[in-house]
Amino acid sequence: MNLPALPPIDLANMKNLAQLAKKEASRSSAIPVACTLLAAAGVLAWRLAPMIRPRRRSYRGWWMAGAGLAAVGLARWQLQRWFSPEPAYEVEGARGELELRRYPAVRVAATTVDGTWEYALNEGFARLAGFIFGRNARHERITMTAPVLGTGDRDGYRLTFVMPAGVAPPAPDDARVEVGELPSRRVAVLRFNGRHDAEAIASHKRELAHALALNGLHPRGEATFAGYDPPTTLPVLRRNELWVEVEG
């Protein structure tokens, strides 16, 4: 993904990659911390519940039922990726912090956007969402899958939705949206949580470059961002990945 990064890193050219890719300080995942805080809040609420003495006992039941429904709704809102289908893939194994996967060919809808990375994410997502929500020749809704893919080159940023298995995409109404197929590929995957703005991706791209060099993996082309969560998901709960096709 052609995002600003210092020093510059060309994943398609392994020359001096190990020297250019400076290892970032290791960080533990933020998800266990978030889960611990949520669990602590739940325990605290459970301990405080008996101290609440409503005038009528039935109110307590309604209060607890409402709190339970709110918790389920919050989890459903923040963890939507758990309810979205993903394209099938085969895990070959791990190389340090990288996971090696093989993906079969898949049908996709894609669009190219000029501008900054952040603008491209929003604009590209809006175009593709319109397509799967009915702006197509059959006026039919198509199930949203995860992840949303994004990569960049001299022509702009390209955002891609993968079609559900067995779905042949209809022709788009929007001329800026194209349908086609991604060929089968073998990718090295770096997973991370948190922000996915240009600065954050540039930092994780350096980590990806270092891991590739450390494990003797040779990339083919540039990196692709894979985002599994909608923009409303808290950064600490997001699942983000960088993919790069590798030889072999």
C-alpha atoms as a PDB file:
ATOM      1  CA  MET A   1       0.000   0.000   0.000  1.00  0.00           C
ATOM      2  CA  ASN A   2       1.604   3.248  -1.084  1.00  0.00           C
ATOM      3  CA  LEU A   3       1.387   5.182   2.140  1.00  0.00           C
ATOM      4  CA  PRO A   4       3.978   7.598   3.533  1.00  0.00           C
ATOM      5  CA  ALA A   5       6.610   5.693   5.486  1.00  0.00           C
ATOM      6  CA  LEU A   6      10.086   6.705   6.646  1.00  0.00           C
ATOM      7  CA  PRO A   7      12.382   5.140   5.689  1.00  0.00           C
ATOM      8  CA  PRO A   8      10.663   4.247   2.386  1.00  0.00           C
ATOM      9  CA  ILE A   9       9.884   0.561   1.920  1.00  0.00           C
ATOM     10  CA  ASP A  10       9.233  -1.167  -1.386  1.00  0.00           C
ATOM     11  CA  LEU A  11       7.783  -4.579  -0.582  1.00  0.00           C
ATOM     12  CA  ALA A  12       8.105  -5.590  -4.232  1.00  0.00           C
ATOM     13  CA  ASN A  13      11.896  -5.232  -4.055  1.00  0.00           C
ATOM     14  CA  MET A  14      13.775  -7.080  -1.314  1.00  0.00           C
ATOM     15  CA  LYS A  15      16.993  -5.085  -1.804  1.00  0.00           C
ATOM     16  CA  ASN A  16      18.106  -3.656   1.560  1.00  0.00           C
ATOM     17  CA  LEU A  17      14.675  -4.509   3.004  1.00  0.00           C
ATOM     18  CA  ALA A  18      16.083  -5.842   6.278  1.00  0.00           C
ATOM     19  CA  GLN A  19      18.038  -2.610   6.814  1.00  0.00           C
ATOM     20  CA  LEU A  20      15.118  -0.369   5.897  1.00  0.00           C
ATOM     21  CA  ALA A  21      12.602  -2.206   8.070  1.00  0.00           C
ATOM     22  CA  LYS A  22      13.295  -1.160  11.642  1.00  0.00           C
ATOM     23  CA  LYS A  23      11.626  -3.362  14.205  1.00  0.00           C
ATOM     24  CA  GLU A  24       8.948  -1.589  16.171  1.00  0.00           C
ATOM     25  CA  ALA A  25       8.828  -2.036  19.941  1.00  0.00           C
ATOM     26  CA  SER A  26       6.785  -5.117  20.740  1.00  0.00           C
ATOM     27  CA  ARG A  27       3.298  -4.485  22.005  1.00  0.00           C
ATOM     28  CA  SER A  28       0.883  -6.796  23.685  1.00  0.00           C
ATOM     29  CA  SER A  29      -2.577  -7.008  22.194  1.00  0.00           C
ATOM     30  CA  ALA A  30      -5.036  -4.490  23.580  1.00  0.00           C
ATOM     31  CA  ILE A  31      -7.957  -6.907  23.310  1.00  0.00           C
ATOM     32  CA  PRO A  32      -7.164  -8.818  26.565  1.00  0.00           C
ATOM     33  CA  VAL A  33      -7.025  -5.478  28.401  1.00  0.00           C
ATOM     34  CA  ALA A  34     -10.390  -4.426  26.975  1.00  0.00           C
ATOM     35  CA  CYS A  35     -11.947  -7.779  27.814  1.00  0.00           C
ATOM     36  CA  THR A  36     -10.604  -7.549  31.375  1.00  0.00           C
ATOM     37  CA  LEU A  37     -12.126  -4.102  31.812  1.00  0.00           C
ATOM     38  CA  LEU A  38     -15.492  -5.264  30.448  1.00  0.00           C
ATOM     39  CA  ALA A  39     -15.437  -8.290  32.744  1.00  0.00           C
ATOM     40  CA  ALA A  40     -14.570  -6.104  35.737  1.00  0.00           C
ATOM     41  CA  ALA A  41     -17.449  -3.776  34.898  1.00  0.00           C
ATOM     42  CA  GLY A  42     -19.793  -6.760  34.704  1.00  0.00           C
ATOM     43  CA  VAL A  43     -18.657  -8.115  38.081  1.00  0.00           C
ATOM     44  CA  LEU A  44     -19.032  -4.678  39.644  1.00  0.00           C
ATOM     45  CA  ALA A  45     -22.560  -4.337  38.274  1.00  0.00           C
ATOM     46  CA  TRP A  46     -23.433  -7.814  39.609  1.00  0.00           C
ATOM     47  CA  ARG A  47     -22.094  -6.960  43.067  1.00  0.00           C
ATOM     48  CA  LEU A  48     -23.938  -3.647  43.181  1.00  0.00           C
ATOM     49  CA  ALA A  49     -27.251  -5.053  41.986  1.00  0.00           C
ATOM     50  CA  PRO A  50     -28.309  -6.398  45.442  1.00  0.00           C
ATOM     51  CA  MET A  51     -27.648  -2.952  46.925  1.00  0.00           C
ATOM     52  CA  ILE A  52     -30.306  -1.437  44.686  1.00  0.00           C
ATOM     53  CA  ARG A  53     -33.562  -1.595  46.602  1.00  0.00           C
ATOM     54  CA  PRO A  54     -36.392  -0.570  44.317  1.00  0.00           C
ATOM     55  CA  ARG A  55     -39.857  -0.037  45.753  1.00  0.00           C
ATOM     56  CA  ARG A  56     -41.129  -3.112  43.986  1.00  0.00           C
ATOM     57  CA  ARG A  57     -39.133  -6.252  43.516  1.00  0.00           C
ATOM     58  CA  SER A  58     -40.378  -6.686  39.964  1.00  0.00           C
ATOM     59  CA  TYR A  59     -38.488  -3.546  38.970  1.00  0.00           C
ATOM     60  CA  ARG A  60     -35.196  -5.286  39.693  1.00  0.00           C
ATOM     61  CA  GLY A  61     -36.027  -8.017  37.201  1.00  0.00           C
ATOM     62  CA  TRP A  62     -36.893  -5.473  34.543  1.00  0.00           C
ATOM     63  CA  TRP A  63     -33.689  -3.557  35.273  1.00  0.00           C
ATOM     64  CA  MET A  64     -31.538  -6.679  34.979  1.00  0.00           C
ATOM     65  CA  ALA A  65     -33.312  -7.777  31.792  1.00  0.00           C
ATOM     66  CA  GLY A  66     -32.792  -4.352  30.279  1.00  0.00           C
ATOM     67  CA  ALA A  67     -29.126  -4.351  31.247  1.00  0.00           C
ATOM     68  CA  GLY A  68     -28.707  -7.796  29.685  1.00  0.00           C
ATOM     69  CA  LEU A  69     -30.340  -6.728  26.436  1.00  0.00           C
ATOM     70  CA  ALA A  70     -28.197  -3.591  26.367  1.00  0.00           C
ATOM     71  CA  ALA A  71     -25.044  -5.674  26.858  1.00  0.00           C
ATOM     72  CA  VAL A  72     -26.037  -8.040  24.036  1.00  0.00           C
ATOM     73  CA  GLY A  73     -26.819  -5.093  21.776  1.00  0.00           C
ATOM     74  CA  LEU A  74     -23.491  -3.463  22.582  1.00  0.00           C
ATOM     75  CA  ALA A  75     -21.608  -6.669  21.843  1.00  0.00           C
ATOM     76  CA  ARG A  76     -23.512  -7.143  18.573  1.00  0.00           C
ATOM     77  CA  TRP A  77     -22.757  -3.556  17.562  1.00  0.00           C
ATOM     78  CA  GLN A  78     -19.055  -3.665  18.427  1.00  0.00           C
ATOM     79  CA  LEU A  79     -18.330  -7.221  17.223  1.00  0.00           C
ATOM     80  CA  GLN A  80     -20.207  -7.262  13.927  1.00  0.00           C
ATOM     81  CA  ARG A  81     -17.388  -9.173  12.230  1.00  0.00           C
ATOM     82  CA  TRP A  82     -18.408 -12.270  14.218  1.00  0.00           C
ATOM     83  CA  PHE A  83     -21.674 -12.244  12.283  1.00  0.00           C
ATOM     84  CA  SER A  84     -20.186 -11.609   8.807  1.00  0.00           C
ATOM     85  CA  PRO A  85     -19.066 -14.479   6.556  1.00  0.00           C
ATOM     86  CA  GLU A  86     -15.419 -14.589   5.485  1.00  0.00           C
ATOM     87  CA  PRO A  87     -13.884 -16.119   2.356  1.00  0.00           C
ATOM     88  CA  ALA A  88     -12.550 -19.617   2.933  1.00  0.00           C
ATOM     89  CA  TYR A  89      -8.801 -20.062   3.183  1.00  0.00           C
ATOM     90  CA  GLU A  90      -6.205 -22.616   4.221  1.00  0.00           C
ATOM     91  CA  VAL A  91      -3.647 -21.848   6.920  1.00  0.00           C
ATOM     92  CA  GLU A  92      -0.207 -23.173   6.006  1.00  0.00           C
ATOM     93  CA  GLY A  93       1.360 -22.230   9.308  1.00  0.00           C
ATOM     94  CA  ALA A  94       3.140 -19.376  11.034  1.00  0.00           C
ATOM     95  CA  ARG A  95       6.485 -17.685  10.496  1.00  0.00           C
ATOM     96  CA  GLY A  96       7.110 -15.682  13.621  1.00  0.00           C
ATOM     97  CA  GLU A  97       4.368 -13.048  13.837  1.00  0.00           C
ATOM     98  CA  LEU A  98       3.198 -13.796  10.294  1.00  0.00           C
ATOM     99  CA  GLU A  99       0.514 -16.289   9.282  1.00  0.00           C
ATOM    100  CA  LEU A 100       0.725 -17.916   5.861  1.00  0.00           C
ATOM    101  CA  ARG A 101      -2.604 -18.495   4.102  1.00  0.00           C
ATOM    102  CA  ARG A 102      -3.793 -19.777   0.737  1.00  0.00           C
ATOM    103  CA  TYR A 103      -6.936 -18.197  -0.694  1.00  0.00           C
ATOM    104  CA  PRO A 104      -8.869 -19.627  -3.643  1.00  0.00           C
ATOM    105  CA  ALA A 105     -10.101 -17.408  -6.459  1.00  0.00           C
ATOM    106  CA  VAL A 106     -13.061 -15.260  -5.369  1.00  0.00           C
ATOM    107  CA  ARG A 107     -15.560 -12.954  -7.057  1.00  0.00           C
ATOM    108  CA  VAL A 108     -15.331  -9.324  -6.016  1.00  0.00           C
ATOM    109  CA  ALA A 109     -16.739  -5.832  -6.476  1.00  0.00           C
ATOM    110  CA  ALA A 110     -14.162  -3.041  -6.496  1.00  0.00           C
ATOM    111  CA  THR A 111     -13.765   0.696  -7.011  1.00  0.00           C
ATOM    112  CA  THR A 112     -10.796   3.065  -7.367  1.00  0.00           C
ATOM    113  CA  VAL A 113     -10.745   6.373  -5.473  1.00  0.00           C
ATOM    114  CA  ASP A 114      -8.412   9.370  -5.762  1.00  0.00           C
ATOM    115  CA  GLY A 115      -7.445  11.316  -2.654  1.00  0.00           C
ATOM    116  CA  THR A 116      -6.084  10.492   0.771  1.00  0.00           C
ATOM    117  CA  TRP A 117      -6.271   7.027   2.306  1.00  0.00           C
ATOM    118  CA  GLU A 118      -8.893   8.106   4.842  1.00  0.00           C
ATOM    119  CA  TYR A 119     -11.072   9.678   2.138  1.00  0.00           C
ATOM    120  CA  ALA A 120     -10.674   6.613  -0.082  1.00  0.00           C
ATOM    121  CA  LEU A 121     -11.819   4.315   2.737  1.00  0.00           C
ATOM    122  CA  ASN A 122     -15.006   6.304   3.320  1.00  0.00           C
ATOM    123  CA  GLU A 123     -15.834   7.025  -0.315  1.00  0.00           C
ATOM    124  CA  GLY A 124     -14.962   3.534  -1.548  1.00  0.00           C
ATOM    125  CA  PHE A 125     -16.965   1.896   1.210  1.00  0.00           C
ATOM    126  CA  ALA A 126     -19.993   4.073   0.382  1.00  0.00           C
ATOM    127  CA  ARG A 127     -19.874   3.145  -3.316  1.00  0.00           C
ATOM    128  CA  LEU A 128     -19.519  -0.568  -2.659  1.00  0.00           C
ATOM    129  CA  ALA A 129     -22.159  -0.539   0.089  1.00  0.00           C
ATOM    130  CA  GLY A 130     -24.584   1.042  -2.367  1.00  0.00           C
ATOM    131  CA  PHE A 131     -23.863  -1.779  -4.805  1.00  0.00           C
ATOM    132  CA  ILE A 132     -24.529  -4.603  -2.338  1.00  0.00           C
ATOM    133  CA  PHE A 133     -27.585  -2.823  -0.888  1.00  0.00           C
ATOM    134  CA  GLY A 134     -29.377  -2.829  -4.244  1.00  0.00           C
ATOM    135  CA  ARG A 135     -27.765  -0.407  -6.683  1.00  0.00           C
ATOM    136  CA  ASN A 136     -27.267  -3.131  -9.267  1.00  0.00           C
ATOM    137  CA  ALA A 137     -28.980  -4.564 -12.340  1.00  0.00           C
ATOM    138  CA  ARG A 138     -31.017  -7.048 -10.291  1.00  0.00           C
ATOM    139  CA  HIS A 139     -31.854  -4.551  -7.511  1.00  0.00           C
ATOM    140  CA  GLU A 140     -30.999  -7.242  -4.985  1.00  0.00           C
ATOM    141  CA  ARG A 141     -29.209  -7.103  -1.674  1.00  0.00           C
ATOM    142  CA  ILE A 142     -25.972  -9.049  -1.322  1.00  0.00           C
ATOM    143  CA  THR A 143     -24.675 -10.249   2.041  1.00  0.00           C
ATOM    144  CA  MET A 144     -21.839  -8.147   3.433  1.00  0.00           C
ATOM    145  CA  THR A 145     -18.655 -10.134   4.009  1.00  0.00           C
ATOM    146  CA  ALA A 146     -15.420  -9.415   5.850  1.00  0.00           C
ATOM    147  CA  PRO A 147     -12.779  -8.216   5.356  1.00  0.00           C
ATOM    148  CA  VAL A 148     -12.897  -5.110   3.188  1.00  0.00           C
ATOM    149  CA  LEU A 149      -9.662  -4.942   1.179  1.00  0.00           C
ATOM    150  CA  GLY A 150      -7.756  -1.796   0.269  1.00  0.00           C
ATOM    151  CA  THR A 151      -4.537  -1.208  -1.604  1.00  0.00           C
ATOM    152  CA  GLY A 152      -2.939   1.699  -3.425  1.00  0.00           C
ATOM    153  CA  ASP A 153      -0.910   2.468  -6.509  1.00  0.00           C
ATOM    154  CA  ARG A 154      -0.189   5.419  -8.788  1.00  0.00           C
ATOM    155  CA  ASP A 155      -3.791   5.358 -10.031  1.00  0.00           C
ATOM    156  CA  GLY A 156      -5.306   5.803  -6.564  1.00  0.00           C
ATOM    157  CA  TYR A 157      -6.646   3.533  -3.835  1.00  0.00           C
ATOM    158  CA  ARG A 158      -8.625   0.441  -4.730  1.00  0.00           C
ATOM    159  CA  LEU A 159     -11.297  -0.794  -2.303  1.00  0.00           C
ATOM    160  CA  THR A 160     -12.703  -4.303  -2.702  1.00  0.00           C
ATOM    161  CA  PHE A 161     -15.658  -6.270  -1.308  1.00  0.00           C
ATOM    162  CA  VAL A 162     -15.480 -10.061  -1.610  1.00  0.00           C
ATOM    163  CA  MET A 163     -18.734 -11.646  -2.756  1.00  0.00           C
ATOM    164  CA  PRO A 164     -20.284 -14.448  -0.662  1.00  0.00           C
ATOM    165  CA  ALA A 165     -19.503 -17.980  -1.822  1.00  0.00           C
ATOM    166  CA  GLY A 166     -21.696 -19.055  -4.718  1.00  0.00           C
ATOM    167  CA  VAL A 167     -22.892 -15.532  -5.574  1.00  0.00           C
ATOM    168  CA  ALA A 168     -22.364 -14.253  -9.118  1.00  0.00           C
ATOM    169  CA  PRO A 169     -22.399 -10.460  -8.754  1.00  0.00           C
ATOM    170  CA  PRO A 170     -24.881  -8.533 -10.938  1.00  0.00           C
ATOM    171  CA  ALA A 171     -23.834  -5.572 -13.055  1.00  0.00           C
ATOM    172  CA  PRO A 172     -23.450  -2.387 -10.956  1.00  0.00           C
ATOM    173  CA  ASP A 173     -25.609   0.683 -11.526  1.00  0.00           C
ATOM    174  CA  ASP A 174     -22.650   2.884 -10.535  1.00  0.00           C
ATOM    175  CA  ALA A 175     -20.100   3.065 -13.368  1.00  0.00           C
ATOM    176  CA  ARG A 176     -17.328   3.567 -10.791  1.00  0.00           C
ATOM    177  CA  VAL A 177     -17.909   0.047  -9.417  1.00  0.00           C
ATOM    178  CA  GLU A 178     -16.505  -2.979 -11.235  1.00  0.00           C
ATOM    179  CA  VAL A 179     -17.112  -6.682 -10.736  1.00  0.00           C
ATOM    180  CA  GLY A 180     -14.493  -9.319 -11.422  1.00  0.00           C
ATOM    181  CA  GLU A 181     -12.394 -12.029  -9.836  1.00  0.00           C
ATOM    182  CA  LEU A 182      -9.306 -12.163  -7.631  1.00  0.00           C
ATOM    183  CA  PRO A 183      -7.076 -15.110  -8.563  1.00  0.00           C
ATOM    184  CA  SER A 184      -5.946 -17.690  -6.033  1.00  0.00           C
ATOM    185  CA  ARG A 185      -2.973 -16.522  -4.014  1.00  0.00           C
ATOM    186  CA  ARG A 186      -0.626 -17.296  -1.145  1.00  0.00           C
ATOM    187  CA  VAL A 187      -0.321 -14.443   1.339  1.00  0.00           C
ATOM    188  CA  ALA A 188       1.659 -13.564   4.440  1.00  0.00           C
ATOM    189  CA  VAL A 189      -0.562 -11.863   7.029  1.00  0.00           C
ATOM    190  CA  LEU A 190       0.358  -9.452   9.814  1.00  0.00           C
ATOM    191  CA  ARG A 191      -2.482  -8.908  12.276  1.00  0.00           C
ATOM    192  CA  PHE A 192      -2.897  -5.804  14.457  1.00  0.00           C
ATOM    193  CA  ASN A 193      -5.518  -3.894  16.442  1.00  0.00           C
ATOM    194  CA  GLY A 194      -6.207  -0.206  16.816  1.00  0.00           C
ATOM    195  CA  ARG A 195      -6.210   2.611  14.310  1.00  0.00           C
ATOM    196  CA  HIS A 196      -5.950   2.059  10.565  1.00  0.00           C
ATOM    197  CA  ASP A 197      -5.168   5.573   9.358  1.00  0.00           C
ATOM    198  CA  ALA A 198      -2.229   6.273   7.050  1.00  0.00           C
ATOM    199  CA  GLU A 199       0.267   6.764   9.878  1.00  0.00           C
ATOM    200  CA  ALA A 200      -0.720   3.545  11.659  1.00  0.00           C
ATOM    201  CA  ILE A 201      -0.584   1.476   8.476  1.00  0.00           C
ATOM    202  CA  ALA A 202       2.823   2.919   7.573  1.00  0.00           C
ATOM    203  CA  SER A 203       4.100   1.796  10.984  1.00  0.00           C
ATOM    204  CA  HIS A 204       2.687  -1.717  10.605  1.00  0.00           C
ATOM    205  CA  LYS A 205       4.016  -1.878   7.067  1.00  0.00           C
ATOM    206  CA  ARG A 206       7.508  -1.475   8.516  1.00  0.00           C
ATOM    207  CA  GLU A 207       6.760  -4.374  10.867  1.00  0.00           C
ATOM    208  CA  LEU A 208       5.574  -6.458   7.911  1.00  0.00           C
ATOM    209  CA  ALA A 209       8.725  -5.655   5.952  1.00  0.00           C
ATOM    210  CA  HIS A 210      10.911  -6.651   8.902  1.00  0.00           C
ATOM    211  CA  ALA A 211       9.037  -9.928   9.409  1.00  0.00           C
ATOM    212  CA  LEU A 212       9.301 -10.802   5.706  1.00  0.00           C
ATOM    213  CA  ALA A 213      13.048 -10.187   5.709  1.00  0.00           C
ATOM    214  CA  LEU A 214      13.538 -12.067   8.973  1.00  0.00           C
ATOM    215  CA  ASN A 215      11.733 -15.142   7.650  1.00  0.00           C
ATOM    216  CA  GLY A 216      13.177 -15.131   4.145  1.00  0.00           C
ATOM    217  CA  LEU A 217       9.807 -14.533   2.469  1.00  0.00           C
ATOM    218  CA  HIS A 218       9.795 -12.785  -0.903  1.00  0.00           C
ATOM    219  CA  PRO A 219       6.780 -10.517  -1.558  1.00  0.00           C
ATOM    220  CA  ARG A 220       5.071 -10.139  -4.899  1.00  0.00           C
ATOM    221  CA  GLY A 221       3.632  -6.651  -5.219  1.00  0.00           C
ATOM    222  CA  GLU A 222       2.496  -4.263  -2.540  1.00  0.00           C
ATOM    223  CA  ALA A 223       0.661  -4.791   0.744  1.00  0.00           C
ATOM    224  CA  THR A 224      -3.138  -4.894   1.047  1.00  0.00           C
ATOM    225  CA  PHE A 225      -5.069  -3.647   4.064  1.00  0.00           C
ATOM    226  CA  ALA A 226      -7.800  -6.000   5.305  1.00  0.00           C
ATOM    227  CA  GLY A 227     -10.332  -4.445   7.678  1.00  0.00           C
ATOM    228  CA  TYR A 228     -12.854  -6.671   9.444  1.00  0.00           C
ATOM    229  CA  ASP A 229     -14.872  -4.051  11.352  1.00  0.00           C
ATOM    230  CA  PRO A 230     -17.128  -1.090  10.488  1.00  0.00           C
ATOM    231  CA  PRO A 231     -15.947   2.440  11.360  1.00  0.00           C
ATOM    232  CA  THR A 232     -18.174   2.493  14.482  1.00  0.00           C
ATOM    233  CA  THR A 233     -16.104  -0.246  16.173  1.00  0.00           C
ATOM    234  CA  LEU A 234     -13.847   1.004  18.953  1.00  0.00           C
ATOM    235  CA  PRO A 235     -10.196   0.929  17.784  1.00  0.00           C
ATOM    236  CA  VAL A 236      -9.168  -1.336  20.665  1.00  0.00           C
ATOM    237  CA  LEU A 237     -11.620  -4.003  19.450  1.00  0.00           C
ATOM    238  CA  ARG A 238     -10.811  -3.814  15.745  1.00  0.00           C
ATOM    239  CA  ARG A 239      -9.254  -6.647  13.805  1.00  0.00           C
ATOM    240  CA  ASN A 240      -6.928  -5.288  11.129  1.00  0.00           C
ATOM    241  CA  GLU A 241      -4.497  -7.127   8.891  1.00  0.00           C
ATOM    242  CA  LEU A 242      -1.885  -6.411   6.252  1.00  0.00           C
ATOM    243  CA  TRP A 243      -1.653  -9.005   3.469  1.00  0.00           C
ATOM    244  CA  VAL A 244       1.101  -9.384   0.917  1.00  0.00           C
ATOM    245  CA  GLU A 245       1.343 -12.091  -1.708  1.00  0.00           C
ATOM    246  CA  VAL A 246       4.497 -14.169  -1.351  1.00  0.00           C
ATOM    247  CA  GLU A 247       6.318 -16.556  -3.626  1.00  0.00           C
ATOM    248  CA  GLY A 248       5.830 -20.284  -3.330  1.00  0.00           C
END
